[in-house]
Amino acid sequence: PTFCDMDPPEHMHQRSMVEPTFTPEAVKNLQPYIQRTVDDQLEQMKQKGCVNGPVDLVKEFALPVPSYIIYTLLGVPFNDLEYLTQQNAIRTNGSSTAREASAANQELLDYLAILVEQRLVEPKDDIISKLCTEQVKPGNIDKSDAVQIAFLLLVAGNAT
């Protein structure tokens, strides 16, 4: 279970593991990256030709921007951003079958499990690495807990 499913004090303990990333000061420090992400997405829209006609703003802008930001915070490599965005869309768009949504959900969990394993060996400057070095390695949580926390953040970040 993730901290959303827990009662205090377990809820506060797991929440405190990722909370420093989302303080007002930390978010303010992300502002240049967020602006660059917005600018890049707008530029991609222009390159696709949206200046010549209507564009689906939700699909082309509102969904990818928060997704790319949370994926980057988690430590997802840039080359995988679009794949994860597609899997999450299948999981949540309502037009997929239950089987397709479940398979996409499992794809995301499997992907995050691999990323946790990689960050245990080679940590970087991201949330998953912090979970691995500060929580998994000392034995405070299991790898599966780190995967669930990362999944919760991925899902919440996509719903923002």
N, C-alpha and C. Protein backbone atom coordinates (compact mmCIF):
# COMPACT_ATOMS: atom_id res chain seq x y z
N PRO A 1 0.82 -1.20 0.00
CA PRO A 1 0.00 0.00 0.00
C PRO A 1 0.86 1.27 0.00
N THR A 2 0.34 2.32 -0.58
CA THR A 2 1.04 3.61 -0.58
C THR A 2 0.54 4.44 0.59
N PHE A 3 1.22 5.55 0.83
CA PHE A 3 0.87 6.35 2.00
C PHE A 3 -0.55 6.92 1.92
N CYS A 4 -1.13 6.97 0.72
CA CYS A 4 -2.53 7.42 0.61
C CYS A 4 -3.48 6.44 1.27
N ASP A 5 -3.07 5.19 1.35
CA ASP A 5 -3.91 4.14 1.92
C ASP A 5 -3.61 3.90 3.40
N MET A 6 -2.72 4.68 3.99
CA MET A 6 -2.27 4.45 5.36
C MET A 6 -2.83 5.50 6.31
N ASP A 7 -2.86 5.13 7.56
CA ASP A 7 -3.21 6.05 8.63
C ASP A 7 -1.94 6.51 9.33
N PRO A 8 -2.01 7.64 10.05
CA PRO A 8 -0.85 8.05 10.84
C PRO A 8 -0.51 6.96 11.86
N PRO A 9 0.71 6.77 12.23
CA PRO A 9 1.91 7.53 11.85
C PRO A 9 2.59 7.01 10.58
N GLU A 10 2.15 5.84 10.07
CA GLU A 10 2.77 5.29 8.86
C GLU A 10 2.62 6.24 7.68
N HIS A 11 1.45 6.85 7.56
CA HIS A 11 1.20 7.79 6.47
C HIS A 11 2.23 8.91 6.47
N MET A 12 2.42 9.53 7.62
CA MET A 12 3.35 10.66 7.71
C MET A 12 4.79 10.21 7.48
N HIS A 13 5.12 9.01 7.93
CA HIS A 13 6.48 8.51 7.73
C HIS A 13 6.79 8.35 6.24
N GLN A 14 5.91 7.68 5.50
CA GLN A 14 6.17 7.51 4.06
C GLN A 14 6.07 8.83 3.31
N ARG A 15 5.13 9.65 3.69
CA ARG A 15 4.99 10.95 3.02
C ARG A 15 6.25 11.80 3.22
N SER A 16 6.83 11.72 4.40
CA SER A 16 8.03 12.52 4.69
C SER A 16 9.21 12.12 3.82
N MET A 17 9.17 10.93 3.24
CA MET A 17 10.27 10.47 2.38
C MET A 17 10.36 11.28 1.09
N VAL A 18 9.25 11.78 0.61
CA VAL A 18 9.25 12.51 -0.67
C VAL A 18 8.88 13.99 -0.50
N GLU A 19 8.40 14.34 0.65
CA GLU A 19 7.92 15.71 0.88
C GLU A 19 8.95 16.80 0.58
N PRO A 20 10.23 16.61 0.88
CA PRO A 20 11.20 17.68 0.59
C PRO A 20 11.24 18.11 -0.87
N THR A 21 10.89 17.23 -1.77
CA THR A 21 10.88 17.55 -3.20
C THR A 21 9.77 18.53 -3.55
N PHE A 22 8.76 18.61 -2.71
CA PHE A 22 7.57 19.40 -3.04
C PHE A 22 7.34 20.59 -2.11
N THR A 23 8.36 21.01 -1.37
CA THR A 23 8.23 22.22 -0.56
C THR A 23 8.14 23.43 -1.48
N PRO A 24 7.60 24.54 -0.99
CA PRO A 24 7.54 25.74 -1.84
C PRO A 24 8.91 26.14 -2.40
N GLU A 25 9.94 26.06 -1.59
CA GLU A 25 11.27 26.43 -2.07
C GLU A 25 11.77 25.48 -3.16
N ALA A 26 11.56 24.18 -2.95
CA ALA A 26 12.00 23.20 -3.95
C ALA A 26 11.25 23.39 -5.26
N VAL A 27 9.96 23.64 -5.18
CA VAL A 27 9.17 23.85 -6.39
C VAL A 27 9.61 25.14 -7.09
N LYS A 28 9.90 26.17 -6.32
CA LYS A 28 10.38 27.42 -6.92
C LYS A 28 11.69 27.18 -7.67
N ASN A 29 12.55 26.34 -7.11
CA ASN A 29 13.81 26.01 -7.79
C ASN A 29 13.59 25.24 -9.09
N LEU A 30 12.44 24.60 -9.21
CA LEU A 30 12.10 23.87 -10.44
C LEU A 30 11.55 24.77 -11.53
N GLN A 31 11.25 26.00 -11.18
CA GLN A 31 10.59 26.90 -12.13
C GLN A 31 11.30 27.00 -13.48
N PRO A 32 12.64 27.14 -13.54
CA PRO A 32 13.28 27.20 -14.86
C PRO A 32 13.06 25.92 -15.68
N TYR A 33 13.12 24.76 -15.02
CA TYR A 33 12.89 23.50 -15.73
C TYR A 33 11.44 23.43 -16.22
N ILE A 34 10.51 23.83 -15.35
CA ILE A 34 9.10 23.80 -15.74
C ILE A 34 8.86 24.72 -16.93
N GLN A 35 9.43 25.92 -16.89
CA GLN A 35 9.26 26.86 -18.00
C GLN A 35 9.85 26.30 -19.29
N ARG A 36 11.02 25.68 -19.18
CA ARG A 36 11.67 25.08 -20.36
C ARG A 36 10.79 23.96 -20.93
N THR A 37 10.19 23.17 -20.05
CA THR A 37 9.31 22.09 -20.49
C THR A 37 8.10 22.66 -21.22
N VAL A 38 7.51 23.70 -20.67
CA VAL A 38 6.37 24.36 -21.31
C VAL A 38 6.78 24.91 -22.68
N ASP A 39 7.91 25.61 -22.71
CA ASP A 39 8.39 26.19 -23.97
C ASP A 39 8.67 25.11 -25.02
N ASP A 40 9.30 24.02 -24.59
CA ASP A 40 9.61 22.92 -25.52
C ASP A 40 8.33 22.31 -26.08
N GLN A 41 7.33 22.13 -25.22
CA GLN A 41 6.08 21.52 -25.68
C GLN A 41 5.36 22.45 -26.65
N LEU A 42 5.38 23.74 -26.37
CA LEU A 42 4.77 24.70 -27.30
C LEU A 42 5.50 24.71 -28.64
N GLU A 43 6.81 24.61 -28.59
CA GLU A 43 7.60 24.58 -29.83
C GLU A 43 7.28 23.33 -30.64
N GLN A 44 7.13 22.19 -29.97
CA GLN A 44 6.76 20.96 -30.68
C GLN A 44 5.39 21.11 -31.34
N MET A 45 4.47 21.76 -30.65
CA MET A 45 3.15 21.98 -31.22
C MET A 45 3.25 22.84 -32.47
N LYS A 46 4.07 23.86 -32.41
CA LYS A 46 4.25 24.73 -33.58
C LYS A 46 4.87 23.95 -34.74
N GLN A 47 5.84 23.10 -34.44
CA GLN A 47 6.50 22.32 -35.49
C GLN A 47 5.54 21.33 -36.15
N LYS A 48 4.56 20.86 -35.40
CA LYS A 48 3.57 19.95 -35.95
C LYS A 48 2.57 20.68 -36.83
N GLY A 49 2.61 21.99 -36.81
CA GLY A 49 1.73 22.75 -37.69
C GLY A 49 0.48 23.28 -37.05
N CYS A 50 0.44 23.34 -35.75
CA CYS A 50 -0.79 23.81 -35.10
C CYS A 50 -1.07 25.28 -35.39
N VAL A 51 -0.09 26.01 -35.88
CA VAL A 51 -0.34 27.42 -36.22
C VAL A 51 -1.28 27.53 -37.43
N ASN A 52 -1.45 26.44 -38.17
CA ASN A 52 -2.29 26.45 -39.37
C ASN A 52 -3.69 25.91 -39.13
N GLY A 53 -3.99 25.53 -37.89
CA GLY A 53 -5.32 24.98 -37.64
C GLY A 53 -5.50 24.62 -36.18
N PRO A 54 -6.67 24.08 -35.85
CA PRO A 54 -6.95 23.76 -34.46
C PRO A 54 -6.06 22.63 -33.95
N VAL A 55 -5.86 22.65 -32.66
CA VAL A 55 -5.04 21.64 -32.00
C VAL A 55 -5.78 21.18 -30.74
N ASP A 56 -5.60 19.93 -30.41
CA ASP A 56 -6.17 19.40 -29.17
C ASP A 56 -5.22 19.79 -28.04
N LEU A 57 -5.54 20.88 -27.36
CA LEU A 57 -4.67 21.44 -26.34
C LEU A 57 -4.45 20.48 -25.17
N VAL A 58 -5.46 19.73 -24.81
CA VAL A 58 -5.31 18.77 -23.72
C VAL A 58 -4.30 17.70 -24.10
N LYS A 59 -4.51 17.10 -25.27
CA LYS A 59 -3.63 16.02 -25.72
C LYS A 59 -2.21 16.49 -25.98
N GLU A 60 -2.07 17.63 -26.60
CA GLU A 60 -0.76 18.10 -27.04
C GLU A 60 0.00 18.92 -26.00
N PHE A 61 -0.70 19.40 -24.97
CA PHE A 61 -0.02 20.27 -24.01
C PHE A 61 -0.36 19.94 -22.55
N ALA A 62 -1.64 19.97 -22.21
CA ALA A 62 -2.03 19.85 -20.80
C ALA A 62 -1.70 18.49 -20.20
N LEU A 63 -1.75 17.44 -20.98
CA LEU A 63 -1.38 16.12 -20.46
C LEU A 63 0.14 15.89 -20.43
N PRO A 64 0.86 16.18 -21.50
CA PRO A 64 2.29 15.88 -21.48
C PRO A 64 3.11 16.72 -20.50
N VAL A 65 2.79 17.99 -20.32
CA VAL A 65 3.65 18.85 -19.50
C VAL A 65 3.78 18.34 -18.06
N PRO A 66 2.68 18.14 -17.32
CA PRO A 66 2.87 17.65 -15.95
C PRO A 66 3.47 16.25 -15.91
N SER A 67 3.15 15.43 -16.92
CA SER A 67 3.73 14.09 -16.98
C SER A 67 5.24 14.16 -17.11
N TYR A 68 5.72 14.95 -18.05
CA TYR A 68 7.16 15.06 -18.26
C TYR A 68 7.86 15.60 -17.02
N ILE A 69 7.21 16.50 -16.32
CA ILE A 69 7.83 17.08 -15.12
C ILE A 69 7.95 16.03 -14.02
N ILE A 70 6.87 15.30 -13.72
CA ILE A 70 6.96 14.30 -12.64
C ILE A 70 7.89 13.17 -13.05
N TYR A 71 7.88 12.77 -14.32
CA TYR A 71 8.79 11.70 -14.74
C TYR A 71 10.24 12.12 -14.55
N THR A 72 10.54 13.36 -14.86
CA THR A 72 11.91 13.85 -14.69
C THR A 72 12.28 13.88 -13.21
N LEU A 73 11.37 14.32 -12.36
CA LEU A 73 11.63 14.33 -10.92
C LEU A 73 11.87 12.91 -10.40
N LEU A 74 11.15 11.95 -10.95
CA LEU A 74 11.32 10.56 -10.54
C LEU A 74 12.64 9.98 -11.05
N GLY A 75 13.16 10.52 -12.15
CA GLY A 75 14.40 10.02 -12.70
C GLY A 75 14.24 9.19 -13.96
N VAL A 76 13.10 9.31 -14.60
CA VAL A 76 12.85 8.59 -15.85
C VAL A 76 13.73 9.18 -16.95
N PRO A 77 14.48 8.34 -17.66
CA PRO A 77 15.29 8.86 -18.78
C PRO A 77 14.41 9.53 -19.84
N PHE A 78 14.93 10.59 -20.42
CA PHE A 78 14.18 11.39 -21.39
C PHE A 78 13.59 10.54 -22.51
N ASN A 79 14.35 9.57 -23.00
CA ASN A 79 13.90 8.74 -24.12
C ASN A 79 12.66 7.91 -23.78
N ASP A 80 12.36 7.75 -22.50
CA ASP A 80 11.22 6.93 -22.09
C ASP A 80 9.97 7.75 -21.77
N LEU A 81 10.07 9.07 -21.81
CA LEU A 81 8.95 9.92 -21.41
C LEU A 81 7.69 9.65 -22.23
N GLU A 82 7.83 9.59 -23.53
CA GLU A 82 6.65 9.41 -24.38
C GLU A 82 6.02 8.04 -24.17
N TYR A 83 6.85 7.01 -24.02
CA TYR A 83 6.34 5.66 -23.78
C TYR A 83 5.51 5.62 -22.50
N LEU A 84 6.03 6.20 -21.42
CA LEU A 84 5.29 6.18 -20.16
C LEU A 84 4.02 7.01 -20.25
N THR A 85 4.09 8.11 -20.96
CA THR A 85 2.90 8.94 -21.16
C THR A 85 1.82 8.15 -21.90
N GLN A 86 2.23 7.37 -22.90
CA GLN A 86 1.27 6.54 -23.64
C GLN A 86 0.67 5.46 -22.75
N GLN A 87 1.51 4.81 -21.94
CA GLN A 87 1.01 3.77 -21.04
C GLN A 87 0.02 4.35 -20.04
N ASN A 88 0.35 5.52 -19.51
CA ASN A 88 -0.56 6.13 -18.55
C ASN A 88 -1.87 6.53 -19.22
N ALA A 89 -1.80 7.01 -20.46
CA ALA A 89 -3.02 7.37 -21.19
C ALA A 89 -3.90 6.14 -21.39
N ILE A 90 -3.30 5.02 -21.74
CA ILE A 90 -4.07 3.78 -21.91
C ILE A 90 -4.73 3.40 -20.59
N ARG A 91 -4.00 3.59 -19.51
CA ARG A 91 -4.49 3.25 -18.17
C ARG A 91 -5.66 4.12 -17.74
N THR A 92 -5.71 5.35 -18.21
CA THR A 92 -6.68 6.30 -17.64
C THR A 92 -7.68 6.89 -18.62
N ASN A 93 -7.54 6.67 -19.93
CA ASN A 93 -8.35 7.44 -20.88
C ASN A 93 -9.81 7.01 -20.98
N GLY A 94 -10.17 5.89 -20.40
CA GLY A 94 -11.56 5.49 -20.42
C GLY A 94 -12.01 4.80 -21.69
N SER A 95 -11.22 4.87 -22.75
CA SER A 95 -11.62 4.21 -23.99
C SER A 95 -10.92 2.87 -24.17
N SER A 96 -9.99 2.56 -23.29
CA SER A 96 -9.31 1.26 -23.34
C SER A 96 -10.17 0.22 -22.63
N THR A 97 -9.95 -1.03 -22.99
CA THR A 97 -10.64 -2.10 -22.27
C THR A 97 -10.01 -2.25 -20.89
N ALA A 98 -10.70 -2.93 -20.01
CA ALA A 98 -10.17 -3.17 -18.67
C ALA A 98 -8.86 -3.94 -18.75
N ARG A 99 -8.79 -4.88 -19.67
CA ARG A 99 -7.56 -5.67 -19.84
C ARG A 99 -6.40 -4.79 -20.31
N GLU A 100 -6.67 -3.89 -21.26
CA GLU A 100 -5.63 -2.98 -21.75
C GLU A 100 -5.16 -2.04 -20.65
N ALA A 101 -6.11 -1.52 -19.88
CA ALA A 101 -5.77 -0.61 -18.78
C ALA A 101 -4.95 -1.33 -17.72
N SER A 102 -5.34 -2.55 -17.41
CA SER A 102 -4.60 -3.34 -16.42
C SER A 102 -3.19 -3.65 -16.91
N ALA A 103 -3.06 -3.98 -18.19
CA ALA A 103 -1.74 -4.27 -18.76
C ALA A 103 -0.86 -3.02 -18.74
N ALA A 104 -1.44 -1.87 -19.05
CA ALA A 104 -0.67 -0.62 -19.02
C ALA A 104 -0.25 -0.29 -17.59
N ASN A 105 -1.13 -0.53 -16.65
CA ASN A 105 -0.82 -0.32 -15.23
C ASN A 105 0.38 -1.18 -14.84
N GLN A 106 0.35 -2.45 -15.25
CA GLN A 106 1.45 -3.37 -14.93
C GLN A 106 2.73 -2.96 -15.63
N GLU A 107 2.63 -2.46 -16.85
CA GLU A 107 3.81 -1.96 -17.57
C GLU A 107 4.49 -0.85 -16.77
N LEU A 108 3.69 0.07 -16.24
CA LEU A 108 4.24 1.17 -15.45
C LEU A 108 4.91 0.65 -14.18
N LEU A 109 4.26 -0.28 -13.50
CA LEU A 109 4.86 -0.86 -12.28
C LEU A 109 6.15 -1.60 -12.60
N ASP A 110 6.14 -2.38 -13.67
CA ASP A 110 7.35 -3.12 -14.07
C ASP A 110 8.47 -2.15 -14.43
N TYR A 111 8.13 -1.10 -15.15
CA TYR A 111 9.13 -0.11 -15.53
C TYR A 111 9.75 0.51 -14.28
N LEU A 112 8.91 0.90 -13.33
CA LEU A 112 9.42 1.53 -12.11
C LEU A 112 10.25 0.56 -11.28
N ALA A 113 9.88 -0.72 -11.28
CA ALA A 113 10.67 -1.72 -10.56
C ALA A 113 12.08 -1.82 -11.15
N ILE A 114 12.18 -1.78 -12.46
CA ILE A 114 13.49 -1.80 -13.12
C ILE A 114 14.27 -0.54 -12.77
N LEU A 115 13.60 0.59 -12.76
CA LEU A 115 14.26 1.85 -12.44
C LEU A 115 14.76 1.84 -10.99
N VAL A 116 13.99 1.29 -10.07
CA VAL A 116 14.43 1.16 -8.68
C VAL A 116 15.69 0.30 -8.62
N GLU A 117 15.69 -0.82 -9.31
CA GLU A 117 16.89 -1.68 -9.33
C GLU A 117 18.10 -0.92 -9.88
N GLN A 118 17.91 -0.17 -10.95
CA GLN A 118 19.01 0.60 -11.53
C GLN A 118 19.53 1.65 -10.56
N ARG A 119 18.63 2.34 -9.87
CA ARG A 119 19.05 3.41 -8.96
C ARG A 119 19.69 2.87 -7.69
N LEU A 120 19.39 1.64 -7.33
CA LEU A 120 20.08 1.01 -6.20
C LEU A 120 21.56 0.82 -6.53
N VAL A 121 21.85 0.51 -7.79
CA VAL A 121 23.22 0.28 -8.24
C VAL A 121 23.90 1.60 -8.60
N GLU A 122 23.17 2.46 -9.29
CA GLU A 122 23.73 3.72 -9.77
C GLU A 122 22.77 4.87 -9.47
N PRO A 123 22.84 5.42 -8.25
CA PRO A 123 21.94 6.52 -7.90
C PRO A 123 22.25 7.79 -8.68
N LYS A 124 21.20 8.57 -8.88
CA LYS A 124 21.32 9.86 -9.56
C LYS A 124 20.65 10.92 -8.68
N ASP A 125 20.39 12.07 -9.23
CA ASP A 125 19.75 13.15 -8.47
C ASP A 125 18.26 13.16 -8.79
N ASP A 126 17.52 12.22 -8.21
CA ASP A 126 16.08 12.12 -8.46
C ASP A 126 15.39 11.47 -7.27
N ILE A 127 14.08 11.47 -7.29
CA ILE A 127 13.29 10.94 -6.18
C ILE A 127 13.54 9.46 -5.97
N ILE A 128 13.55 8.68 -7.03
CA ILE A 128 13.74 7.23 -6.87
C ILE A 128 15.11 6.94 -6.28
N SER A 129 16.13 7.65 -6.70
CA SER A 129 17.47 7.45 -6.12
C SER A 129 17.47 7.79 -4.64
N LYS A 130 16.79 8.86 -4.27
CA LYS A 130 16.72 9.23 -2.85
C LYS A 130 16.02 8.13 -2.05
N LEU A 131 14.92 7.63 -2.58
CA LEU A 131 14.23 6.53 -1.90
C LEU A 131 15.15 5.33 -1.73
N CYS A 132 15.91 5.03 -2.77
CA CYS A 132 16.80 3.87 -2.73
C CYS A 132 17.93 4.06 -1.72
N THR A 133 18.60 5.21 -1.78
CA THR A 133 19.77 5.42 -0.92
C THR A 133 19.39 5.73 0.53
N GLU A 134 18.29 6.45 0.72
CA GLU A 134 17.93 6.87 2.07
C GLU A 134 16.95 5.94 2.77
N GLN A 135 16.24 5.11 2.00
CA GLN A 135 15.20 4.28 2.61
C GLN A 135 15.38 2.78 2.36
N VAL A 136 15.60 2.40 1.09
CA VAL A 136 15.70 0.97 0.77
C VAL A 136 17.01 0.39 1.30
N LYS A 137 18.13 1.00 0.96
CA LYS A 137 19.43 0.46 1.38
C LYS A 137 19.56 0.33 2.90
N PRO A 138 19.12 1.32 3.69
CA PRO A 138 19.20 1.17 5.14
C PRO A 138 18.18 0.19 5.72
N GLY A 139 17.24 -0.27 4.88
CA GLY A 139 16.25 -1.24 5.34
C GLY A 139 14.98 -0.62 5.93
N ASN A 140 14.77 0.66 5.70
CA ASN A 140 13.56 1.31 6.22
C ASN A 140 12.31 0.91 5.44
N ILE A 141 12.48 0.67 4.14
CA ILE A 141 11.38 0.19 3.30
C ILE A 141 11.93 -0.86 2.34
N ASP A 142 11.05 -1.65 1.77
CA ASP A 142 11.44 -2.63 0.76
C ASP A 142 11.46 -1.99 -0.62
N LYS A 143 12.09 -2.69 -1.57
CA LYS A 143 12.08 -2.21 -2.96
C LYS A 143 10.66 -2.04 -3.47
N SER A 144 9.79 -2.98 -3.10
CA SER A 144 8.40 -2.90 -3.57
C SER A 144 7.71 -1.65 -3.03
N ASP A 145 8.08 -1.23 -1.82
CA ASP A 145 7.52 0.02 -1.27
C ASP A 145 7.99 1.21 -2.10
N ALA A 146 9.26 1.21 -2.48
CA ALA A 146 9.80 2.31 -3.31
C ALA A 146 9.07 2.36 -4.65
N VAL A 147 8.79 1.19 -5.22
CA VAL A 147 8.05 1.14 -6.49
C VAL A 147 6.65 1.72 -6.30
N GLN A 148 5.98 1.34 -5.22
CA GLN A 148 4.62 1.84 -4.98
C GLN A 148 4.59 3.34 -4.75
N ILE A 149 5.58 3.86 -4.02
CA ILE A 149 5.65 5.31 -3.79
C ILE A 149 5.88 6.03 -5.12
N ALA A 150 6.81 5.51 -5.91
CA ALA A 150 7.08 6.11 -7.23
C ALA A 150 5.84 6.04 -8.12
N PHE A 151 5.13 4.93 -8.07
CA PHE A 151 3.91 4.79 -8.87
C PHE A 151 2.85 5.81 -8.43
N LEU A 152 2.69 5.97 -7.13
CA LEU A 152 1.74 6.96 -6.63
C LEU A 152 2.09 8.35 -7.14
N LEU A 153 3.36 8.71 -7.08
CA LEU A 153 3.79 10.03 -7.56
C LEU A 153 3.58 10.16 -9.07
N LEU A 154 3.87 9.09 -9.80
CA LEU A 154 3.66 9.11 -11.24
C LEU A 154 2.19 9.35 -11.57
N VAL A 155 1.32 8.60 -10.92
CA VAL A 155 -0.11 8.73 -11.17
C VAL A 155 -0.61 10.11 -10.74
N ALA A 156 -0.20 10.55 -9.56
CA ALA A 156 -0.64 11.86 -9.06
C ALA A 156 -0.11 12.98 -9.96
N GLY A 157 1.13 12.85 -10.41
CA GLY A 157 1.71 13.86 -11.28
C GLY A 157 1.02 13.93 -12.63
N ASN A 158 0.53 12.81 -13.09
CA ASN A 158 -0.21 12.79 -14.36
C ASN A 158 -1.61 13.37 -14.21
N ALA A 159 -2.14 13.31 -13.01
CA ALA A 159 -3.50 13.80 -12.77
C ALA A 159 -3.52 15.28 -12.40
N THR A 160 -2.36 15.90 -12.38
CA THR A 160 -2.27 17.30 -11.95
C THR A 160 -2.68 18.24 -13.07
